[in-house]
Amino acid sequence: MVTAITTNTTPTAAQTSSRITSDFDTFLKLLTTQMTNQDPLNPVDSTQFTTQLAQFSAVEQQTRTNSLLQGLTSQMAVLGMAQLAGWVGQEARTAGPVFVDGNKVTIDVTAATGADRAVLVVKDANGNTVAREDLPATGGQMEWTSATANGSPLPQGVYTLSVENYQDEKLLSTSEVQSYATIVEARQGADGATLVMKGGVEVASAKITALRQPPA
C-alpha cells in the first residue's frame, strides 16, 4: 500500500495579492507622474497632496499586510499537514461509507434509549438494501463480517451502514454506524483537511471521532 500526502493550492490568496500589488504600482506611477508634470505656477494644493500621500501609505500597508497573511496561511497549512502525516497508516473511526474487501470491519453502534432490538441495514452504492442483520440492542463495538443475508460475502465495494432501533417491534429511530478504516492519504484544501481511507472513501478530518493503531 502506497501512502501519500498532497497539498492543493488555492489561487484566491495569490490572485488577491497580485491585484493589490498592481494597484499599488499603478498608484505610485500616477503620483510620480503628477508630481513631475505639475505646473510650477499652479502646484497641487498641499491638502490634496497630503491626502494622496495618505492613500499611498494605506495601499502600501495593505500590500505588506496581505503578504504577511499569505505567508502565515502557508505556514499554517504546512503545520497542519505535518500533524496529519502522523495519521497516515492509522485506523480512523467515522460515520460514513464503508469499503468492503472481504475482511471484517470494526463497527461502533450507539444504543438507542428504550430499544429492545437493533437491526444493521446495509445498502450498496445504488441505495439498494443488500443485507439486514440483528445486532445487540445494547450497542457497542463489534466485528462485522460484511456478508449478505444468506451469509455470502458481499462483493468488494463501498457500502452505507445504518441501524434501525425497535421497541416492541415498532421502529423508534434510525441511526448512523461508525466504523474503522485505514487512512492512506491526507489532503489539504480550501475547505480544510480531507483524509482518504482505504478503498478511496474521503472523509473530512473534522468528522474523525477516534484514531487507533491497526491490529497486529
C-alpha atoms as a PDB file:
ATOM      1  CA  MET A   1       0.000   0.000   0.000  1.00  0.00           C
ATOM      2  CA  VAL A   2       1.430   3.356  -1.056  1.00  0.00           C
ATOM      3  CA  THR A   3       0.674   6.357   1.127  1.00  0.00           C
ATOM      4  CA  ALA A   4       0.977   9.962   0.083  1.00  0.00           C
ATOM      5  CA  ILE A   5       0.488  13.471   1.399  1.00  0.00           C
ATOM      6  CA  THR A   6      -0.560  16.091  -1.098  1.00  0.00           C
ATOM      7  CA  THR A   7      -1.385  19.764  -0.848  1.00  0.00           C
ATOM      8  CA  ASN A   8      -3.914  21.528  -3.048  1.00  0.00           C
ATOM      9  CA  THR A   9      -3.044  25.141  -3.790  1.00  0.00           C
ATOM     10  CA  THR A  10      -5.880  27.653  -3.579  1.00  0.00           C
ATOM     11  CA  PRO A  11      -5.427  30.566  -6.039  1.00  0.00           C
ATOM     12  CA  THR A  12      -7.577  33.077  -4.158  1.00  0.00           C
ATOM     13  CA  ALA A  13      -4.858  34.499  -1.886  1.00  0.00           C
ATOM     14  CA  ALA A  14      -2.322  34.733  -4.701  1.00  0.00           C
ATOM     15  CA  GLN A  15      -4.796  36.476  -7.004  1.00  0.00           C
ATOM     16  CA  THR A  16      -5.711  38.953  -4.263  1.00  0.00           C
ATOM     17  CA  SER A  17      -2.047  39.722  -3.585  1.00  0.00           C
ATOM     18  CA  SER A  18      -1.364  40.241  -7.295  1.00  0.00           C
ATOM     19  CA  ARG A  19      -4.311  42.621  -7.633  1.00  0.00           C
ATOM     20  CA  ILE A  20      -3.284  44.727  -4.623  1.00  0.00           C
ATOM     21  CA  THR A  21       0.330  44.857  -5.817  1.00  0.00           C
ATOM     22  CA  SER A  22      -0.837  46.002  -9.255  1.00  0.00           C
ATOM     23  CA  ASP A  23      -2.991  48.726  -7.693  1.00  0.00           C
ATOM     24  CA  PHE A  24      -0.056  49.827  -5.557  1.00  0.00           C
ATOM     25  CA  ASP A  25       2.288  50.089  -8.571  1.00  0.00           C
ATOM     26  CA  THR A  26      -0.316  51.966 -10.621  1.00  0.00           C
ATOM     27  CA  PHE A  27      -0.983  54.407  -7.779  1.00  0.00           C
ATOM     28  CA  LEU A  28       2.756  55.043  -7.370  1.00  0.00           C
ATOM     29  CA  LYS A  29       3.197  55.732 -11.091  1.00  0.00           C
ATOM     30  CA  LEU A  30       0.256  58.135 -11.160  1.00  0.00           C
ATOM     31  CA  LEU A  31       1.528  60.020  -8.108  1.00  0.00           C
ATOM     32  CA  THR A  32       5.046  60.284  -9.567  1.00  0.00           C
ATOM     33  CA  THR A  33       3.711  61.470 -12.926  1.00  0.00           C
ATOM     34  CA  GLN A  34       1.558  64.082 -11.221  1.00  0.00           C
ATOM     35  CA  MET A  35       4.499  65.446  -9.219  1.00  0.00           C
ATOM     36  CA  THR A  36       6.743  65.517 -12.291  1.00  0.00           C
ATOM     37  CA  ASN A  37       4.288  67.280 -14.556  1.00  0.00           C
ATOM     38  CA  GLN A  38       2.595  69.717 -12.202  1.00  0.00           C
ATOM     39  CA  ASP A  39       2.574  73.392 -13.158  1.00  0.00           C
ATOM     40  CA  PRO A  40       5.185  75.255 -11.022  1.00  0.00           C
ATOM     41  CA  LEU A  41       2.942  78.356 -11.174  1.00  0.00           C
ATOM     42  CA  ASN A  42      -0.064  76.345 -10.011  1.00  0.00           C
ATOM     43  CA  PRO A  43       1.195  73.462  -7.856  1.00  0.00           C
ATOM     44  CA  VAL A  44      -1.039  70.815  -6.344  1.00  0.00           C
ATOM     45  CA  ASP A  45      -2.849  72.036  -3.268  1.00  0.00           C
ATOM     46  CA  SER A  46      -0.985  70.868  -0.128  1.00  0.00           C
ATOM     47  CA  THR A  47      -4.157  69.379   1.347  1.00  0.00           C
ATOM     48  CA  GLN A  48      -4.764  67.281  -1.759  1.00  0.00           C
ATOM     49  CA  PHE A  49      -1.125  66.248  -1.824  1.00  0.00           C
ATOM     50  CA  THR A  50      -1.277  65.146   1.835  1.00  0.00           C
ATOM     51  CA  THR A  51      -4.416  63.147   1.125  1.00  0.00           C
ATOM     52  CA  GLN A  52      -2.735  61.406  -1.790  1.00  0.00           C
ATOM     53  CA  LEU A  53       0.287  60.553   0.361  1.00  0.00           C
ATOM     54  CA  ALA A  54      -2.043  59.087   2.994  1.00  0.00           C
ATOM     55  CA  GLN A  55      -3.710  56.975   0.316  1.00  0.00           C
ATOM     56  CA  PHE A  56      -0.287  55.884  -0.896  1.00  0.00           C
ATOM     57  CA  SER A  57       0.650  54.837   2.650  1.00  0.00           C
ATOM     58  CA  ALA A  58      -2.610  52.897   3.062  1.00  0.00           C
ATOM     59  CA  VAL A  59      -2.112  50.984  -0.192  1.00  0.00           C
ATOM     60  CA  GLU A  60       1.487  50.188   0.778  1.00  0.00           C
ATOM     61  CA  GLN A  61       0.393  48.955   4.204  1.00  0.00           C
ATOM     62  CA  GLN A  62      -2.334  46.797   2.675  1.00  0.00           C
ATOM     63  CA  THR A  63       0.202  45.210   0.321  1.00  0.00           C
ATOM     64  CA  ARG A  64       2.531  44.369   3.197  1.00  0.00           C
ATOM     65  CA  THR A  65      -0.314  43.048   5.346  1.00  0.00           C
ATOM     66  CA  ASN A  66      -1.543  40.820   2.554  1.00  0.00           C
ATOM     67  CA  SER A  67       1.964  39.408   2.040  1.00  0.00           C
ATOM     68  CA  LEU A  68       2.292  38.652   5.755  1.00  0.00           C
ATOM     69  CA  LEU A  69      -1.119  36.964   5.856  1.00  0.00           C
ATOM     70  CA  GLN A  70      -0.314  34.877   2.800  1.00  0.00           C
ATOM     71  CA  GLY A  71       2.928  33.726   4.401  1.00  0.00           C
ATOM     72  CA  LEU A  72       1.150  32.916   7.666  1.00  0.00           C
ATOM     73  CA  THR A  73      -1.510  30.917   5.824  1.00  0.00           C
ATOM     74  CA  SER A  74       1.189  28.876   4.067  1.00  0.00           C
ATOM     75  CA  GLN A  75       2.935  28.172   7.375  1.00  0.00           C
ATOM     76  CA  MET A  76      -0.331  27.057   8.997  1.00  0.00           C
ATOM     77  CA  ALA A  77      -1.057  24.729   6.070  1.00  0.00           C
ATOM     78  CA  VAL A  78       2.392  23.142   6.342  1.00  0.00           C
ATOM     79  CA  LEU A  79       1.946  22.753  10.113  1.00  0.00           C
ATOM     80  CA  GLY A  80      -1.439  21.128   9.615  1.00  0.00           C
ATOM     81  CA  MET A  81      -0.081  18.668   7.056  1.00  0.00           C
ATOM     82  CA  ALA A  82       2.845  17.807   9.321  1.00  0.00           C
ATOM     83  CA  GLN A  83       0.372  16.858  12.053  1.00  0.00           C
ATOM     84  CA  LEU A  84      -1.825  14.894   9.653  1.00  0.00           C
ATOM     85  CA  ALA A  85       1.186  12.974   8.343  1.00  0.00           C
ATOM     86  CA  GLY A  86       1.181  11.048  11.626  1.00  0.00           C
ATOM     87  CA  TRP A  87      -2.381   9.896  10.915  1.00  0.00           C
ATOM     88  CA  VAL A  88      -1.485   8.094   7.693  1.00  0.00           C
ATOM     89  CA  GLY A  89      -1.385   4.356   8.325  1.00  0.00           C
ATOM     90  CA  GLN A  90      -3.605   4.536  11.403  1.00  0.00           C
ATOM     91  CA  GLU A  91      -7.218   3.437  11.609  1.00  0.00           C
ATOM     92  CA  ALA A  92      -9.797   6.203  11.938  1.00  0.00           C
ATOM     93  CA  ARG A  93     -13.357   5.920  13.202  1.00  0.00           C
ATOM     94  CA  THR A  94     -16.016   7.870  11.377  1.00  0.00           C
ATOM     95  CA  ALA A  95     -19.673   7.725  10.376  1.00  0.00           C
ATOM     96  CA  GLY A  96     -19.794   7.336   6.623  1.00  0.00           C
ATOM     97  CA  PRO A  97     -19.456   4.916   3.728  1.00  0.00           C
ATOM     98  CA  VAL A  98     -17.577   1.672   4.391  1.00  0.00           C
ATOM     99  CA  PHE A  99     -15.208  -0.063   1.993  1.00  0.00           C
ATOM    100  CA  VAL A 100     -15.704  -3.847   1.925  1.00  0.00           C
ATOM    101  CA  ASP A 101     -12.988  -6.152   0.602  1.00  0.00           C
ATOM    102  CA  GLY A 102     -13.824  -9.476   2.233  1.00  0.00           C
ATOM    103  CA  ASN A 103     -12.267  -8.686   5.618  1.00  0.00           C
ATOM    104  CA  LYS A 104     -14.101  -7.994   8.849  1.00  0.00           C
ATOM    105  CA  VAL A 105     -14.980  -4.374   9.593  1.00  0.00           C
ATOM    106  CA  THR A 106     -14.938  -2.956  13.112  1.00  0.00           C
ATOM    107  CA  ILE A 107     -18.164  -1.043  13.695  1.00  0.00           C
ATOM    108  CA  ASP A 108     -19.288   1.056  16.640  1.00  0.00           C
ATOM    109  CA  VAL A 109     -23.017   1.228  17.387  1.00  0.00           C
ATOM    110  CA  THR A 110     -24.672   3.589  19.865  1.00  0.00           C
ATOM    111  CA  ALA A 111     -27.655   2.053  21.627  1.00  0.00           C
ATOM    112  CA  ALA A 112     -30.967   3.897  21.389  1.00  0.00           C
ATOM    113  CA  THR A 113     -32.789   4.629  24.636  1.00  0.00           C
ATOM    114  CA  GLY A 114     -35.658   2.198  25.146  1.00  0.00           C
ATOM    115  CA  ALA A 115     -34.780  -0.020  22.166  1.00  0.00           C
ATOM    116  CA  ASP A 116     -35.070  -3.790  22.618  1.00  0.00           C
ATOM    117  CA  ARG A 117     -33.901  -4.686  19.118  1.00  0.00           C
ATOM    118  CA  ALA A 118     -31.321  -3.273  16.702  1.00  0.00           C
ATOM    119  CA  VAL A 119     -31.016  -4.185  13.033  1.00  0.00           C
ATOM    120  CA  LEU A 120     -27.991  -3.382  10.891  1.00  0.00           C
ATOM    121  CA  VAL A 121     -29.052  -2.260   7.409  1.00  0.00           C
ATOM    122  CA  VAL A 122     -26.500  -2.468   4.586  1.00  0.00           C
ATOM    123  CA  LYS A 123     -27.002  -0.614   1.297  1.00  0.00           C
ATOM    124  CA  ASP A 124     -24.864  -0.655  -1.816  1.00  0.00           C
ATOM    125  CA  ALA A 125     -23.672   2.342  -3.827  1.00  0.00           C
ATOM    126  CA  ASN A 126     -27.038   2.476  -5.644  1.00  0.00           C
ATOM    127  CA  GLY A 127     -29.018   2.634  -2.403  1.00  0.00           C
ATOM    128  CA  ASN A 128     -30.276  -0.956  -2.629  1.00  0.00           C
ATOM    129  CA  THR A 129     -30.555  -2.894   0.640  1.00  0.00           C
ATOM    130  CA  VAL A 130     -28.273  -5.920   0.313  1.00  0.00           C
ATOM    131  CA  ALA A 131     -28.248  -7.173   3.910  1.00  0.00           C
ATOM    132  CA  ARG A 132     -30.075  -6.917   7.220  1.00  0.00           C
ATOM    133  CA  GLU A 133     -28.632  -8.328  10.421  1.00  0.00           C
ATOM    134  CA  ASP A 134     -29.707  -8.272  14.060  1.00  0.00           C
ATOM    135  CA  LEU A 135     -27.269  -6.663  16.477  1.00  0.00           C
ATOM    136  CA  PRO A 136     -27.171  -6.480  20.274  1.00  0.00           C
ATOM    137  CA  ALA A 137     -29.656  -3.804  21.360  1.00  0.00           C
ATOM    138  CA  THR A 138     -27.075  -2.623  23.894  1.00  0.00           C
ATOM    139  CA  GLY A 139     -24.805  -1.411  21.084  1.00  0.00           C
ATOM    140  CA  GLY A 140     -21.045  -1.181  21.454  1.00  0.00           C
ATOM    141  CA  GLN A 141     -18.051  -2.093  19.313  1.00  0.00           C
ATOM    142  CA  MET A 142     -18.193  -5.300  17.282  1.00  0.00           C
ATOM    143  CA  GLU A 143     -16.752  -7.037  14.210  1.00  0.00           C
ATOM    144  CA  TRP A 144     -18.985  -7.097  11.135  1.00  0.00           C
ATOM    145  CA  THR A 145     -18.303  -9.955   8.723  1.00  0.00           C
ATOM    146  CA  SER A 146     -19.548  -7.972   5.692  1.00  0.00           C
ATOM    147  CA  ALA A 147     -21.870 -10.683   4.452  1.00  0.00           C
ATOM    148  CA  THR A 148     -25.284 -10.807   2.778  1.00  0.00           C
ATOM    149  CA  ALA A 149     -28.481 -12.000   4.462  1.00  0.00           C
ATOM    150  CA  ASN A 150     -27.728 -15.627   3.448  1.00  0.00           C
ATOM    151  CA  GLY A 151     -24.160 -15.432   4.736  1.00  0.00           C
ATOM    152  CA  SER A 152     -22.385 -14.949   1.394  1.00  0.00           C
ATOM    153  CA  PRO A 153     -19.527 -12.403   1.322  1.00  0.00           C
ATOM    154  CA  LEU A 154     -20.515  -9.047  -0.122  1.00  0.00           C
ATOM    155  CA  PRO A 155     -18.806  -8.077  -3.389  1.00  0.00           C
ATOM    156  CA  GLN A 156     -15.931  -5.654  -2.977  1.00  0.00           C
ATOM    157  CA  GLY A 157     -17.133  -2.069  -2.971  1.00  0.00           C
ATOM    158  CA  VAL A 158     -18.397   0.835  -0.894  1.00  0.00           C
ATOM    159  CA  TYR A 159     -21.480   0.381   1.291  1.00  0.00           C
ATOM    160  CA  THR A 160     -23.575   2.512   3.648  1.00  0.00           C
ATOM    161  CA  LEU A 161     -24.443   1.208   7.108  1.00  0.00           C
ATOM    162  CA  SER A 162     -27.263   2.279   9.424  1.00  0.00           C
ATOM    163  CA  VAL A 163     -29.093   0.810  12.412  1.00  0.00           C
ATOM    164  CA  GLU A 164     -32.842   0.583  12.846  1.00  0.00           C
ATOM    165  CA  ASN A 165     -33.839   0.704  16.519  1.00  0.00           C
ATOM    166  CA  TYR A 166     -37.072  -1.024  17.563  1.00  0.00           C
ATOM    167  CA  GLN A 167     -39.187  -1.234  20.717  1.00  0.00           C
ATOM    168  CA  ASP A 168     -41.962  -3.841  20.826  1.00  0.00           C
ATOM    169  CA  GLU A 169     -41.480  -4.308  17.066  1.00  0.00           C
ATOM    170  CA  LYS A 170     -42.112  -0.622  16.427  1.00  0.00           C
ATOM    171  CA  LEU A 171     -39.402   1.445  14.754  1.00  0.00           C
ATOM    172  CA  LEU A 172     -38.086   4.060  17.169  1.00  0.00           C
ATOM    173  CA  SER A 173     -35.302   5.619  15.128  1.00  0.00           C
ATOM    174  CA  THR A 174     -32.591   5.074  12.556  1.00  0.00           C
ATOM    175  CA  SER A 175     -29.014   5.951  13.468  1.00  0.00           C
ATOM    176  CA  GLU A 176     -25.636   6.101  11.762  1.00  0.00           C
ATOM    177  CA  VAL A 177     -22.973   3.476  12.270  1.00  0.00           C
ATOM    178  CA  GLN A 178     -19.378   4.423  12.882  1.00  0.00           C
ATOM    179  CA  SER A 179     -16.646   2.192  11.519  1.00  0.00           C
ATOM    180  CA  TYR A 180     -12.866   1.967  11.439  1.00  0.00           C
ATOM    181  CA  ALA A 181     -10.800   2.141   8.250  1.00  0.00           C
ATOM    182  CA  THR A 182      -7.132   2.693   7.442  1.00  0.00           C
ATOM    183  CA  ILE A 183      -6.025   6.194   6.402  1.00  0.00           C
ATOM    184  CA  VAL A 184      -3.911   6.058   3.239  1.00  0.00           C
ATOM    185  CA  GLU A 185      -3.662   9.744   2.299  1.00  0.00           C
ATOM    186  CA  ALA A 186      -4.132  13.246   3.701  1.00  0.00           C
ATOM    187  CA  ARG A 187      -5.023  16.260   1.561  1.00  0.00           C
ATOM    188  CA  GLN A 188      -5.155  19.954   2.418  1.00  0.00           C
ATOM    189  CA  GLY A 189      -7.676  22.066   0.508  1.00  0.00           C
ATOM    190  CA  ALA A 190      -9.685  25.260   0.681  1.00  0.00           C
ATOM    191  CA  ASP A 191     -12.273  23.613   2.940  1.00  0.00           C
ATOM    192  CA  GLY A 192      -9.693  22.096   5.285  1.00  0.00           C
ATOM    193  CA  ALA A 193      -8.034  18.713   5.553  1.00  0.00           C
ATOM    194  CA  THR A 194      -9.515  15.649   3.883  1.00  0.00           C
ATOM    195  CA  LEU A 195      -8.481  12.088   4.708  1.00  0.00           C
ATOM    196  CA  VAL A 196      -8.632   9.333   2.113  1.00  0.00           C
ATOM    197  CA  MET A 197      -9.454   5.935   3.559  1.00  0.00           C
ATOM    198  CA  LYS A 198      -8.665   2.515   2.159  1.00  0.00           C
ATOM    199  CA  GLY A 199     -10.911   1.961  -0.850  1.00  0.00           C
ATOM    200  CA  GLY A 200     -10.997   5.650  -1.776  1.00  0.00           C
ATOM    201  CA  VAL A 201     -13.596   6.845   0.734  1.00  0.00           C
ATOM    202  CA  GLU A 202     -12.916  10.530   1.534  1.00  0.00           C
ATOM    203  CA  VAL A 203     -13.691  11.976   4.965  1.00  0.00           C
ATOM    204  CA  ALA A 204     -13.228  15.498   6.368  1.00  0.00           C
ATOM    205  CA  SER A 205     -10.719  15.439   9.220  1.00  0.00           C
ATOM    206  CA  ALA A 206     -13.272  17.146  11.475  1.00  0.00           C
ATOM    207  CA  LYS A 207     -15.511  14.064  11.199  1.00  0.00           C
ATOM    208  CA  ILE A 208     -12.893  11.689  12.606  1.00  0.00           C
ATOM    209  CA  THR A 209     -14.031  10.690  16.100  1.00  0.00           C
ATOM    210  CA  ALA A 210     -11.203   8.311  17.080  1.00  0.00           C
ATOM    211  CA  LEU A 211      -7.793   7.036  15.986  1.00  0.00           C
ATOM    212  CA  ARG A 212      -6.078   3.754  16.760  1.00  0.00           C
ATOM    213  CA  GLN A 213      -3.125   1.668  15.670  1.00  0.00           C
ATOM    214  CA  PRO A 214      -4.030  -1.130  13.229  1.00  0.00           C
ATOM    215  CA  PRO A 215      -4.400  -4.518  14.924  1.00  0.00           C
ATOM    216  CA  ALA A 216      -1.215  -6.574  14.745  1.00  0.00           C
END
